[in-house]
């Protein structure tokens, strides 16, 4: 999970925000912060020690906010988490997720914003679980899809990189990108690991 403060993908601690304290104004416009704040171990250490100057500096450098904006948002988060005890994200996951993670499966939405790509994964390497988190159920989501790599030489991201590169290069009708991804997935899962490894994003940071 992404840490709210530093932006690193090492967030583990979830603070549920007080819904009555998430609204704030900035430059004449009203905003409502999300339902929770996620911190990594390092940022939690700073947060628990009330090292707000360091927290603000980290937040400003990891996001597109200037120091004044960062200071305002951190003050909102500080107020909205007053008295809140953080929970480890694993404790908040629906039943069965941790067990599948131990078997090498990863939640598809932690890998890509196009969760429908799980439909194209080989059946023996994908699993679904009932969604139980209220915020996701409110959005109409009823299942969690998890996938693993069919090859011990690769990780799921290797397959996704190849799929999306092929799909992006394929001619398609407007609004038919998912069909292109499905066709690309069929081709990629038939490839040898060495071939899949040959697909490298133009910018390594642009992984799905």
N, C-alpha and C. Protein backbone atom coordinates (compact mmCIF):
# COMPACT_ATOMS: atom_id res chain seq x y z
N UNK A 1 0.85 -1.20 0.00
CA UNK A 1 0.00 0.00 0.00
C UNK A 1 0.88 1.25 0.00
N UNK A 2 0.39 2.30 -0.63
CA UNK A 2 1.17 3.52 -0.72
C UNK A 2 1.05 4.34 0.56
N UNK A 3 2.19 4.75 1.07
CA UNK A 3 2.21 5.59 2.27
C UNK A 3 1.68 6.98 1.90
N UNK A 4 0.75 7.48 2.68
CA UNK A 4 0.16 8.80 2.44
C UNK A 4 1.21 9.91 2.50
N UNK A 5 2.19 9.76 3.36
CA UNK A 5 3.14 10.84 3.60
C UNK A 5 4.31 10.83 2.61
N UNK A 6 5.01 9.70 2.51
CA UNK A 6 6.22 9.69 1.68
C UNK A 6 5.99 9.14 0.27
N UNK A 7 4.84 8.48 0.05
CA UNK A 7 4.51 7.97 -1.27
C UNK A 7 5.11 6.63 -1.60
N UNK A 8 5.91 6.05 -0.69
CA UNK A 8 6.52 4.76 -0.97
C UNK A 8 5.47 3.65 -0.85
N UNK A 9 5.70 2.56 -1.62
CA UNK A 9 4.75 1.44 -1.60
C UNK A 9 5.07 0.50 -0.43
N UNK A 10 5.16 1.07 0.75
CA UNK A 10 5.48 0.27 1.93
C UNK A 10 4.56 0.59 3.09
N UNK A 11 3.41 1.18 2.77
CA UNK A 11 2.44 1.51 3.81
C UNK A 11 1.84 0.26 4.44
N UNK A 12 1.78 0.24 5.75
CA UNK A 12 1.24 -0.91 6.46
C UNK A 12 0.21 -0.54 7.51
N UNK A 13 0.26 0.70 7.99
CA UNK A 13 -0.56 1.09 9.12
C UNK A 13 -1.69 2.00 8.66
N UNK A 14 -2.92 1.58 8.95
CA UNK A 14 -4.11 2.29 8.46
C UNK A 14 -4.79 3.02 9.62
N UNK A 15 -4.96 4.33 9.43
CA UNK A 15 -5.66 5.17 10.39
C UNK A 15 -7.00 5.57 9.78
N UNK A 16 -8.08 5.18 10.40
CA UNK A 16 -9.39 5.59 9.91
C UNK A 16 -9.66 7.03 10.34
N UNK A 17 -10.03 7.86 9.39
CA UNK A 17 -10.24 9.28 9.68
C UNK A 17 -11.67 9.54 10.19
N UNK A 18 -11.76 10.47 11.12
CA UNK A 18 -13.06 10.90 11.63
C UNK A 18 -13.82 11.54 10.47
N UNK A 19 -14.98 11.01 10.09
CA UNK A 19 -15.71 11.55 8.92
C UNK A 19 -16.14 13.00 9.12
N UNK A 20 -16.23 13.47 10.37
CA UNK A 20 -16.65 14.85 10.62
C UNK A 20 -15.48 15.82 10.58
N UNK A 21 -14.26 15.29 10.37
CA UNK A 21 -13.08 16.17 10.39
C UNK A 21 -12.25 16.05 9.11
N UNK A 22 -12.86 15.53 8.06
CA UNK A 22 -12.11 15.32 6.82
C UNK A 22 -12.28 16.46 5.82
N UNK A 23 -13.19 17.38 6.11
CA UNK A 23 -13.45 18.48 5.18
C UNK A 23 -12.54 19.67 5.50
N UNK A 24 -12.06 20.32 4.45
CA UNK A 24 -11.22 21.49 4.65
C UNK A 24 -11.29 22.38 3.40
N UNK A 25 -10.85 23.61 3.56
CA UNK A 25 -10.84 24.56 2.45
C UNK A 25 -9.41 24.92 2.10
N UNK A 26 -9.16 25.05 0.81
CA UNK A 26 -7.83 25.45 0.35
C UNK A 26 -8.00 26.31 -0.89
N UNK A 27 -7.47 27.53 -0.81
CA UNK A 27 -7.56 28.48 -1.91
C UNK A 27 -9.00 28.70 -2.37
N UNK A 28 -9.90 28.80 -1.39
CA UNK A 28 -11.28 29.12 -1.69
C UNK A 28 -12.13 27.97 -2.16
N UNK A 29 -11.57 26.79 -2.19
CA UNK A 29 -12.35 25.61 -2.62
C UNK A 29 -12.46 24.61 -1.47
N UNK A 30 -13.58 23.88 -1.44
CA UNK A 30 -13.80 22.89 -0.41
C UNK A 30 -13.32 21.51 -0.85
N UNK A 31 -12.72 20.79 0.05
CA UNK A 31 -12.23 19.44 -0.22
C UNK A 31 -12.64 18.51 0.91
N UNK A 32 -12.71 17.22 0.58
CA UNK A 32 -12.94 16.20 1.59
C UNK A 32 -11.87 15.13 1.43
N UNK A 33 -11.12 14.90 2.48
CA UNK A 33 -10.05 13.90 2.40
C UNK A 33 -10.67 12.51 2.39
N UNK A 34 -9.88 11.53 1.99
CA UNK A 34 -10.34 10.16 1.90
C UNK A 34 -10.68 9.56 3.26
N UNK A 35 -11.07 8.30 3.24
CA UNK A 35 -11.57 7.65 4.46
C UNK A 35 -10.46 7.26 5.43
N UNK A 36 -9.22 7.17 4.93
CA UNK A 36 -8.16 6.74 5.84
C UNK A 36 -6.81 7.31 5.43
N UNK A 37 -5.86 7.15 6.32
CA UNK A 37 -4.47 7.51 6.09
C UNK A 37 -3.64 6.26 6.29
N UNK A 38 -2.68 6.02 5.38
CA UNK A 38 -1.83 4.83 5.46
C UNK A 38 -0.38 5.29 5.64
N UNK A 39 0.31 4.71 6.61
CA UNK A 39 1.69 5.10 6.88
C UNK A 39 2.62 3.89 6.83
N UNK A 40 3.84 4.13 6.37
CA UNK A 40 4.89 3.13 6.45
C UNK A 40 5.49 3.17 7.87
N UNK A 41 6.39 2.26 8.17
CA UNK A 41 6.98 2.24 9.51
C UNK A 41 7.71 3.54 9.84
N UNK A 42 8.49 4.05 8.88
CA UNK A 42 9.27 5.27 9.13
C UNK A 42 8.36 6.46 9.40
N UNK A 43 7.35 6.63 8.55
CA UNK A 43 6.46 7.77 8.71
C UNK A 43 5.59 7.63 9.95
N UNK A 44 5.25 6.39 10.30
CA UNK A 44 4.49 6.21 11.54
C UNK A 44 5.34 6.63 12.75
N UNK A 45 6.63 6.31 12.69
CA UNK A 45 7.51 6.72 13.78
C UNK A 45 7.51 8.23 13.96
N UNK A 46 7.61 8.97 12.85
CA UNK A 46 7.57 10.43 12.91
C UNK A 46 6.21 10.93 13.39
N UNK A 47 5.16 10.29 12.91
CA UNK A 47 3.79 10.69 13.27
C UNK A 47 3.56 10.50 14.76
N UNK A 48 3.96 9.35 15.28
CA UNK A 48 3.74 9.06 16.70
C UNK A 48 4.55 9.96 17.61
N UNK A 49 5.68 10.47 17.11
CA UNK A 49 6.52 11.37 17.89
C UNK A 49 6.14 12.83 17.70
N UNK A 50 5.05 13.07 16.95
CA UNK A 50 4.58 14.44 16.67
C UNK A 50 5.64 15.28 15.97
N UNK A 51 6.45 14.63 15.12
CA UNK A 51 7.48 15.35 14.37
C UNK A 51 6.86 15.93 13.09
N UNK A 52 5.95 16.88 13.28
CA UNK A 52 5.17 17.37 12.14
C UNK A 52 6.02 18.11 11.10
N UNK A 53 7.10 18.75 11.53
CA UNK A 53 7.95 19.44 10.55
C UNK A 53 8.54 18.45 9.57
N UNK A 54 9.00 17.31 10.08
CA UNK A 54 9.56 16.28 9.22
C UNK A 54 8.47 15.64 8.36
N UNK A 55 7.29 15.45 8.94
CA UNK A 55 6.16 14.86 8.19
C UNK A 55 5.77 15.78 7.04
N UNK A 56 5.68 17.07 7.31
CA UNK A 56 5.29 18.04 6.28
C UNK A 56 6.33 18.07 5.17
N UNK A 57 7.60 18.03 5.53
CA UNK A 57 8.67 18.05 4.53
C UNK A 57 8.59 16.82 3.64
N UNK A 58 8.34 15.68 4.24
CA UNK A 58 8.22 14.44 3.44
C UNK A 58 7.02 14.51 2.52
N UNK A 59 5.91 14.97 3.05
CA UNK A 59 4.68 15.02 2.26
C UNK A 59 4.83 15.99 1.09
N UNK A 60 5.45 17.12 1.35
CA UNK A 60 5.63 18.12 0.29
C UNK A 60 6.54 17.60 -0.81
N UNK A 61 7.57 16.83 -0.44
CA UNK A 61 8.52 16.34 -1.44
C UNK A 61 7.98 15.14 -2.22
N UNK A 62 6.96 14.48 -1.68
CA UNK A 62 6.44 13.29 -2.35
C UNK A 62 5.20 13.57 -3.18
N UNK A 63 4.67 14.77 -3.08
CA UNK A 63 3.43 15.10 -3.78
C UNK A 63 3.61 16.45 -4.50
N UNK A 64 2.55 16.88 -5.16
CA UNK A 64 2.62 18.14 -5.90
C UNK A 64 2.16 19.32 -5.06
N UNK A 65 2.28 19.19 -3.74
CA UNK A 65 1.86 20.28 -2.86
C UNK A 65 3.05 21.13 -2.46
N UNK A 66 2.81 22.46 -2.34
CA UNK A 66 3.87 23.29 -1.79
C UNK A 66 3.83 23.15 -0.26
N UNK A 67 4.76 23.79 0.41
CA UNK A 67 4.88 23.60 1.86
C UNK A 67 3.63 24.06 2.61
N UNK A 68 2.99 25.14 2.14
CA UNK A 68 1.78 25.62 2.81
C UNK A 68 0.64 24.62 2.66
N UNK A 69 0.49 24.08 1.45
CA UNK A 69 -0.56 23.07 1.24
C UNK A 69 -0.29 21.83 2.08
N UNK A 70 0.97 21.41 2.09
CA UNK A 70 1.33 20.23 2.86
C UNK A 70 1.05 20.44 4.35
N UNK A 71 1.38 21.62 4.83
CA UNK A 71 1.13 21.91 6.25
C UNK A 71 -0.36 21.87 6.57
N UNK A 72 -1.18 22.41 5.67
CA UNK A 72 -2.63 22.40 5.88
C UNK A 72 -3.16 20.97 5.91
N UNK A 73 -2.77 20.17 4.92
CA UNK A 73 -3.31 18.81 4.84
C UNK A 73 -2.85 17.97 6.01
N UNK A 74 -1.60 18.13 6.42
CA UNK A 74 -1.11 17.38 7.59
C UNK A 74 -1.90 17.79 8.84
N UNK A 75 -2.24 19.06 8.95
CA UNK A 75 -3.03 19.50 10.11
C UNK A 75 -4.42 18.87 10.09
N UNK A 76 -4.99 18.72 8.87
CA UNK A 76 -6.30 18.06 8.75
C UNK A 76 -6.19 16.60 9.17
N UNK A 77 -5.14 15.93 8.69
CA UNK A 77 -4.93 14.53 9.05
C UNK A 77 -4.69 14.36 10.55
N UNK A 78 -3.95 15.29 11.11
CA UNK A 78 -3.67 15.23 12.55
C UNK A 78 -4.97 15.33 13.35
N UNK A 79 -5.83 16.27 12.95
CA UNK A 79 -7.10 16.44 13.64
C UNK A 79 -8.02 15.23 13.44
N UNK A 80 -8.06 14.71 12.20
CA UNK A 80 -9.00 13.62 11.88
C UNK A 80 -8.56 12.28 12.44
N UNK A 81 -7.30 12.18 12.90
CA UNK A 81 -6.82 10.92 13.47
C UNK A 81 -6.61 11.01 14.98
N UNK A 82 -7.03 12.12 15.58
CA UNK A 82 -6.84 12.29 17.03
C UNK A 82 -7.51 11.15 17.79
N UNK A 83 -6.72 10.46 18.60
CA UNK A 83 -7.25 9.37 19.40
C UNK A 83 -7.42 8.05 18.66
N UNK A 84 -7.08 8.03 17.37
CA UNK A 84 -7.25 6.81 16.56
C UNK A 84 -6.03 5.91 16.70
N UNK A 85 -6.25 4.63 16.94
CA UNK A 85 -5.17 3.66 16.97
C UNK A 85 -5.06 3.00 15.59
N UNK A 86 -3.86 2.99 15.03
CA UNK A 86 -3.72 2.39 13.69
C UNK A 86 -3.90 0.88 13.72
N UNK A 87 -4.33 0.35 12.59
CA UNK A 87 -4.47 -1.09 12.42
C UNK A 87 -3.56 -1.52 11.28
N UNK A 88 -2.96 -2.70 11.44
CA UNK A 88 -2.14 -3.23 10.35
C UNK A 88 -3.06 -3.63 9.20
N UNK A 89 -2.64 -3.30 7.98
CA UNK A 89 -3.53 -3.51 6.84
C UNK A 89 -3.96 -4.96 6.69
N UNK A 90 -3.12 -5.90 7.10
CA UNK A 90 -3.48 -7.32 6.98
C UNK A 90 -4.71 -7.64 7.82
N UNK A 91 -4.82 -6.97 8.96
CA UNK A 91 -5.98 -7.21 9.84
C UNK A 91 -7.27 -6.68 9.24
N UNK A 92 -7.16 -5.80 8.23
CA UNK A 92 -8.35 -5.22 7.61
C UNK A 92 -8.75 -5.92 6.32
N UNK A 93 -7.92 -6.86 5.86
CA UNK A 93 -8.21 -7.55 4.61
C UNK A 93 -9.32 -8.58 4.82
N UNK A 94 -10.11 -8.82 3.79
CA UNK A 94 -11.16 -9.85 3.90
C UNK A 94 -10.58 -11.22 4.21
N UNK A 95 -11.35 -12.08 4.84
CA UNK A 95 -10.87 -13.42 5.18
C UNK A 95 -10.37 -14.16 3.94
N UNK A 96 -9.21 -14.80 4.08
CA UNK A 96 -8.65 -15.60 2.99
C UNK A 96 -7.54 -14.93 2.22
N UNK A 97 -7.47 -13.59 2.28
CA UNK A 97 -6.46 -12.89 1.50
C UNK A 97 -5.05 -13.23 1.98
N UNK A 98 -4.84 -13.18 3.29
CA UNK A 98 -3.50 -13.46 3.83
C UNK A 98 -3.05 -14.88 3.49
N UNK A 99 -3.99 -15.82 3.53
CA UNK A 99 -3.63 -17.21 3.21
C UNK A 99 -3.21 -17.35 1.75
N UNK A 100 -3.92 -16.66 0.84
CA UNK A 100 -3.55 -16.72 -0.57
C UNK A 100 -2.24 -15.97 -0.83
N UNK A 101 -2.00 -14.90 -0.09
CA UNK A 101 -0.73 -14.20 -0.22
C UNK A 101 0.43 -15.13 0.14
N UNK A 102 0.22 -15.97 1.15
CA UNK A 102 1.26 -16.92 1.55
C UNK A 102 1.52 -17.96 0.47
N UNK A 103 0.55 -18.15 -0.43
CA UNK A 103 0.70 -19.10 -1.54
C UNK A 103 1.23 -18.42 -2.80
N UNK A 104 1.57 -17.14 -2.69
CA UNK A 104 2.15 -16.44 -3.82
C UNK A 104 1.18 -15.60 -4.63
N UNK A 105 -0.07 -15.48 -4.19
CA UNK A 105 -1.06 -14.67 -4.91
C UNK A 105 -0.99 -13.22 -4.46
N UNK A 106 -1.32 -12.31 -5.39
CA UNK A 106 -1.32 -10.88 -5.12
C UNK A 106 -2.65 -10.30 -5.59
N UNK A 107 -3.20 -9.37 -4.84
CA UNK A 107 -4.45 -8.72 -5.26
C UNK A 107 -4.20 -7.95 -6.55
N UNK A 108 -5.02 -8.18 -7.54
CA UNK A 108 -4.80 -7.59 -8.86
C UNK A 108 -4.83 -6.06 -8.80
N UNK A 109 -5.65 -5.49 -7.93
CA UNK A 109 -5.73 -4.04 -7.91
C UNK A 109 -4.54 -3.38 -7.21
N UNK A 110 -3.65 -4.19 -6.65
CA UNK A 110 -2.39 -3.62 -6.15
C UNK A 110 -1.33 -3.62 -7.24
N UNK A 111 -1.65 -4.24 -8.38
CA UNK A 111 -0.72 -4.34 -9.51
C UNK A 111 -1.10 -3.41 -10.66
N UNK A 112 -2.38 -3.19 -10.85
CA UNK A 112 -2.85 -2.39 -11.98
C UNK A 112 -4.23 -1.81 -11.67
N UNK A 113 -4.51 -0.65 -12.27
CA UNK A 113 -5.83 -0.06 -12.12
C UNK A 113 -6.89 -0.73 -12.98
N UNK A 114 -6.45 -1.60 -13.91
CA UNK A 114 -7.38 -2.32 -14.78
C UNK A 114 -7.62 -3.72 -14.19
N UNK A 115 -8.44 -3.77 -13.14
CA UNK A 115 -8.65 -5.03 -12.43
C UNK A 115 -9.27 -6.11 -13.31
N UNK A 116 -9.97 -5.71 -14.38
CA UNK A 116 -10.61 -6.68 -15.26
C UNK A 116 -9.61 -7.61 -15.93
N UNK A 117 -8.32 -7.25 -15.89
CA UNK A 117 -7.31 -8.09 -16.52
C UNK A 117 -7.23 -9.46 -15.84
N UNK A 118 -7.73 -9.55 -14.60
CA UNK A 118 -7.74 -10.85 -13.91
C UNK A 118 -8.58 -11.87 -14.66
N UNK A 119 -9.58 -11.38 -15.41
CA UNK A 119 -10.43 -12.30 -16.19
C UNK A 119 -9.63 -13.06 -17.25
N UNK A 120 -8.47 -12.51 -17.65
CA UNK A 120 -7.69 -13.11 -18.72
C UNK A 120 -6.53 -13.95 -18.18
N UNK A 121 -6.41 -14.02 -16.87
CA UNK A 121 -5.33 -14.79 -16.24
C UNK A 121 -5.67 -16.29 -16.29
N UNK A 122 -4.67 -17.16 -16.42
CA UNK A 122 -4.97 -18.60 -16.42
C UNK A 122 -5.74 -19.01 -15.16
N UNK A 123 -6.75 -19.83 -15.32
CA UNK A 123 -7.64 -20.18 -14.22
C UNK A 123 -6.89 -20.74 -13.03
N UNK A 124 -5.88 -21.58 -13.29
CA UNK A 124 -5.17 -22.22 -12.18
C UNK A 124 -4.28 -21.25 -11.40
N UNK A 125 -4.13 -20.04 -11.93
CA UNK A 125 -3.27 -19.05 -11.28
C UNK A 125 -4.03 -17.80 -10.86
N UNK A 126 -5.34 -17.93 -10.70
CA UNK A 126 -6.14 -16.82 -10.21
C UNK A 126 -7.16 -17.36 -9.20
N UNK A 127 -7.51 -16.53 -8.27
CA UNK A 127 -8.48 -16.88 -7.24
C UNK A 127 -9.37 -15.67 -6.97
N UNK A 128 -10.60 -15.93 -6.52
CA UNK A 128 -11.48 -14.84 -6.13
C UNK A 128 -12.00 -15.09 -4.71
N UNK A 129 -12.21 -14.01 -4.00
CA UNK A 129 -12.74 -14.08 -2.65
C UNK A 129 -13.86 -13.05 -2.51
N UNK A 130 -14.81 -13.30 -1.62
CA UNK A 130 -15.86 -12.30 -1.40
C UNK A 130 -15.28 -11.03 -0.80
N UNK A 131 -15.70 -9.89 -1.32
CA UNK A 131 -15.31 -8.60 -0.76
C UNK A 131 -16.13 -8.35 0.50
N UNK A 132 -15.47 -7.89 1.56
CA UNK A 132 -16.18 -7.61 2.81
C UNK A 132 -15.96 -6.20 3.31
N UNK A 133 -15.06 -5.44 2.68
CA UNK A 133 -14.78 -4.10 3.15
C UNK A 133 -15.90 -3.14 2.74
N UNK A 134 -16.50 -2.43 3.71
CA UNK A 134 -17.66 -1.58 3.42
C UNK A 134 -17.41 -0.57 2.31
N UNK A 135 -16.21 0.06 2.30
CA UNK A 135 -15.97 1.12 1.32
C UNK A 135 -15.97 0.58 -0.10
N UNK A 136 -15.53 -0.69 -0.27
CA UNK A 136 -15.53 -1.30 -1.60
C UNK A 136 -16.93 -1.80 -1.96
N UNK A 137 -17.65 -2.33 -0.98
CA UNK A 137 -19.00 -2.79 -1.25
C UNK A 137 -19.90 -1.63 -1.67
N UNK A 138 -19.66 -0.46 -1.08
CA UNK A 138 -20.45 0.72 -1.44
C UNK A 138 -20.23 1.11 -2.90
N UNK A 139 -19.05 0.77 -3.43
CA UNK A 139 -18.74 1.07 -4.83
C UNK A 139 -19.22 -0.03 -5.77
N UNK A 140 -19.92 -1.03 -5.22
CA UNK A 140 -20.46 -2.09 -6.05
C UNK A 140 -19.53 -3.27 -6.28
N UNK A 141 -18.40 -3.29 -5.60
CA UNK A 141 -17.46 -4.39 -5.77
C UNK A 141 -17.85 -5.54 -4.86
N UNK A 142 -17.96 -6.74 -5.39
CA UNK A 142 -18.37 -7.90 -4.60
C UNK A 142 -17.30 -8.97 -4.50
N UNK A 143 -16.23 -8.86 -5.32
CA UNK A 143 -15.18 -9.87 -5.31
C UNK A 143 -13.80 -9.22 -5.28
N UNK A 144 -12.85 -9.95 -4.71
CA UNK A 144 -11.44 -9.60 -4.79
C UNK A 144 -10.78 -10.65 -5.66
N UNK A 145 -10.05 -10.21 -6.69
CA UNK A 145 -9.32 -11.14 -7.53
C UNK A 145 -7.84 -11.10 -7.19
N UNK A 146 -7.24 -12.27 -7.10
CA UNK A 146 -5.82 -12.39 -6.80
C UNK A 146 -5.18 -13.29 -7.86
N UNK A 147 -3.96 -12.94 -8.23
CA UNK A 147 -3.26 -13.70 -9.28
C UNK A 147 -1.84 -14.03 -8.81
N UNK A 148 -1.26 -15.02 -9.46
CA UNK A 148 0.15 -15.34 -9.22
C UNK A 148 0.82 -15.62 -10.56
N UNK A 149 2.12 -15.66 -10.54
CA UNK A 149 2.87 -15.90 -11.77
C UNK A 149 2.83 -17.38 -12.14
N UNK A 150 2.51 -17.69 -13.39
CA UNK A 150 2.57 -19.08 -13.83
C UNK A 150 3.98 -19.64 -13.88
N UNK A 151 4.98 -18.76 -13.91
CA UNK A 151 6.37 -19.19 -14.00
C UNK A 151 7.16 -18.72 -12.78
N UNK A 152 7.99 -19.60 -12.19
CA UNK A 152 8.82 -19.17 -11.06
C UNK A 152 9.89 -18.16 -11.46
N UNK A 153 10.10 -18.00 -12.77
CA UNK A 153 11.11 -17.06 -13.26
C UNK A 153 10.58 -15.64 -13.38
N UNK A 154 9.27 -15.47 -13.25
CA UNK A 154 8.65 -14.17 -13.48
C UNK A 154 7.74 -13.79 -12.31
N UNK A 155 7.39 -12.51 -12.27
CA UNK A 155 6.40 -12.02 -11.32
C UNK A 155 5.20 -11.53 -12.13
N UNK A 156 4.02 -11.37 -11.50
CA UNK A 156 2.85 -10.94 -12.27
C UNK A 156 3.07 -9.66 -13.07
N UNK A 157 3.87 -8.74 -12.52
CA UNK A 157 4.13 -7.49 -13.23
C UNK A 157 4.80 -7.69 -14.57
N UNK A 158 5.61 -8.76 -14.71
CA UNK A 158 6.26 -9.04 -15.99
C UNK A 158 5.21 -9.35 -17.07
N UNK A 159 4.20 -10.13 -16.69
CA UNK A 159 3.13 -10.46 -17.64
C UNK A 159 2.32 -9.20 -17.98
N UNK A 160 2.03 -8.39 -16.96
CA UNK A 160 1.26 -7.17 -17.21
C UNK A 160 2.00 -6.21 -18.12
N UNK A 161 3.31 -6.05 -17.89
CA UNK A 161 4.11 -5.17 -18.76
C UNK A 161 3.98 -5.59 -20.21
N UNK A 162 4.16 -6.88 -20.46
CA UNK A 162 4.09 -7.39 -21.83
C UNK A 162 2.69 -7.20 -22.41
N UNK A 163 1.67 -7.51 -21.62
CA UNK A 163 0.28 -7.37 -22.08
C UNK A 163 -0.03 -5.95 -22.52
N UNK A 164 0.30 -5.00 -21.64
CA UNK A 164 -0.06 -3.61 -21.92
C UNK A 164 0.76 -3.03 -23.06
N UNK A 165 2.02 -3.43 -23.18
CA UNK A 165 2.82 -2.94 -24.30
C UNK A 165 2.27 -3.44 -25.63
N UNK A 166 1.86 -4.71 -25.66
CA UNK A 166 1.28 -5.27 -26.89
C UNK A 166 -0.07 -4.61 -27.18
N UNK A 167 -0.90 -4.47 -26.14
CA UNK A 167 -2.22 -3.87 -26.33
C UNK A 167 -2.11 -2.42 -26.79
N UNK A 168 -1.16 -1.67 -26.22
CA UNK A 168 -1.00 -0.27 -26.59
C UNK A 168 -0.56 -0.10 -28.05
N UNK A 169 0.18 -1.10 -28.53
CA UNK A 169 0.69 -1.01 -29.91
C UNK A 169 -0.31 -1.53 -30.94
N UNK A 170 -1.35 -2.20 -30.48
CA UNK A 170 -2.31 -2.81 -31.41
C UNK A 170 -3.33 -1.80 -31.90
N UNK A 171 -3.69 -1.85 -33.18
CA UNK A 171 -4.77 -0.97 -33.67
C UNK A 171 -6.10 -1.40 -33.05
N UNK A 172 -6.91 -0.44 -32.69
CA UNK A 172 -8.19 -0.79 -32.06
C UNK A 172 -9.21 0.31 -32.28
N UNK A 173 -10.44 -0.07 -32.12
CA UNK A 173 -11.52 0.90 -32.21
C UNK A 173 -11.63 1.66 -30.88
N UNK A 174 -12.05 2.91 -30.91
CA UNK A 174 -12.22 3.67 -29.66
C UNK A 174 -13.11 2.93 -28.68
N UNK A 175 -12.70 2.89 -27.42
CA UNK A 175 -13.51 2.24 -26.39
C UNK A 175 -13.38 0.74 -26.36
N UNK A 176 -12.43 0.19 -27.13
CA UNK A 176 -12.30 -1.27 -27.18
C UNK A 176 -10.94 -1.73 -26.66
N UNK A 177 -10.37 -0.97 -25.71
CA UNK A 177 -9.04 -1.30 -25.20
C UNK A 177 -9.03 -2.65 -24.48
N UNK A 178 -10.09 -2.95 -23.75
CA UNK A 178 -10.11 -4.20 -22.99
C UNK A 178 -10.01 -5.41 -23.91
N UNK A 179 -10.61 -5.31 -25.08
CA UNK A 179 -10.51 -6.41 -26.06
C UNK A 179 -9.06 -6.57 -26.51
N UNK A 180 -8.36 -5.46 -26.69
CA UNK A 180 -6.95 -5.53 -27.07
C UNK A 180 -6.12 -6.17 -25.97
N UNK A 181 -6.43 -5.85 -24.71
CA UNK A 181 -5.72 -6.45 -23.59
C UNK A 181 -5.99 -7.95 -23.52
N UNK A 182 -7.23 -8.34 -23.77
CA UNK A 182 -7.57 -9.77 -23.76
C UNK A 182 -6.78 -10.52 -24.83
N UNK A 183 -6.70 -9.95 -26.02
CA UNK A 183 -5.93 -10.59 -27.10
C UNK A 183 -4.45 -10.65 -26.74
N UNK A 184 -3.95 -9.57 -26.14
CA UNK A 184 -2.54 -9.54 -25.75
C UNK A 184 -2.26 -10.57 -24.67
N UNK A 185 -3.18 -10.72 -23.72
CA UNK A 185 -3.00 -11.70 -22.64
C UNK A 185 -2.93 -13.12 -23.19
N UNK A 186 -3.79 -13.42 -24.16
CA UNK A 186 -3.77 -14.75 -24.76
C UNK A 186 -2.40 -15.03 -25.38
N UNK A 187 -1.83 -14.02 -26.03
CA UNK A 187 -0.52 -14.20 -26.65
C UNK A 187 0.59 -14.31 -25.60
N UNK A 188 0.53 -13.47 -24.58
CA UNK A 188 1.59 -13.43 -23.58
C UNK A 188 1.65 -14.73 -22.77
N UNK A 189 0.52 -15.25 -22.38
CA UNK A 189 0.53 -16.46 -21.56
C UNK A 189 0.94 -17.71 -22.35
N UNK A 190 1.05 -17.57 -23.67
CA UNK A 190 1.56 -18.66 -24.50
C UNK A 190 3.06 -18.53 -24.76
N UNK A 191 3.65 -17.41 -24.31
CA UNK A 191 5.07 -17.16 -24.56
C UNK A 191 5.97 -17.84 -23.51
N UNK A 192 7.20 -18.08 -23.91
CA UNK A 192 8.21 -18.58 -22.97
C UNK A 192 8.64 -17.42 -22.06
N UNK A 193 9.07 -17.72 -20.83
CA UNK A 193 9.49 -16.65 -19.91
C UNK A 193 10.53 -15.72 -20.49
N UNK A 194 11.47 -16.26 -21.26
CA UNK A 194 12.52 -15.43 -21.84
C UNK A 194 11.94 -14.38 -22.77
N UNK A 195 10.90 -14.76 -23.52
CA UNK A 195 10.26 -13.81 -24.43
C UNK A 195 9.55 -12.72 -23.64
N UNK A 196 8.87 -13.10 -22.57
CA UNK A 196 8.14 -12.13 -21.76
C UNK A 196 9.11 -11.13 -21.13
N UNK A 197 10.26 -11.63 -20.70
CA UNK A 197 11.27 -10.76 -20.10
C UNK A 197 11.80 -9.72 -21.08
N UNK A 198 11.67 -9.99 -22.37
CA UNK A 198 12.21 -9.07 -23.37
C UNK A 198 11.36 -7.81 -23.51
N UNK A 199 10.16 -7.84 -22.95
CA UNK A 199 9.30 -6.66 -22.99
C UNK A 199 9.66 -5.76 -21.82
N UNK A 200 10.19 -4.60 -22.11
CA UNK A 200 10.61 -3.67 -21.07
C UNK A 200 9.90 -2.34 -21.30
N UNK A 201 9.23 -1.79 -20.26
CA UNK A 201 8.57 -0.49 -20.44
C UNK A 201 9.59 0.58 -20.84
N UNK A 202 9.15 1.55 -21.63
CA UNK A 202 10.03 2.65 -22.02
C UNK A 202 10.57 3.36 -20.79
N UNK A 203 9.74 3.51 -19.79
CA UNK A 203 10.15 4.08 -18.49
C UNK A 203 9.88 3.02 -17.45
N UNK A 204 10.90 2.44 -16.80
CA UNK A 204 10.68 1.39 -15.83
C UNK A 204 9.74 1.78 -14.71
N UNK A 205 9.59 3.10 -14.44
CA UNK A 205 8.69 3.52 -13.39
C UNK A 205 7.24 3.47 -13.84
N UNK A 206 7.02 3.25 -15.15
CA UNK A 206 5.67 3.23 -15.69
C UNK A 206 5.09 1.84 -15.70
N UNK A 207 5.46 1.00 -14.75
CA UNK A 207 4.90 -0.35 -14.70
C UNK A 207 3.42 -0.24 -14.36
N UNK A 208 2.63 -1.24 -14.77
CA UNK A 208 1.17 -1.12 -14.61
C UNK A 208 0.75 -0.94 -13.16
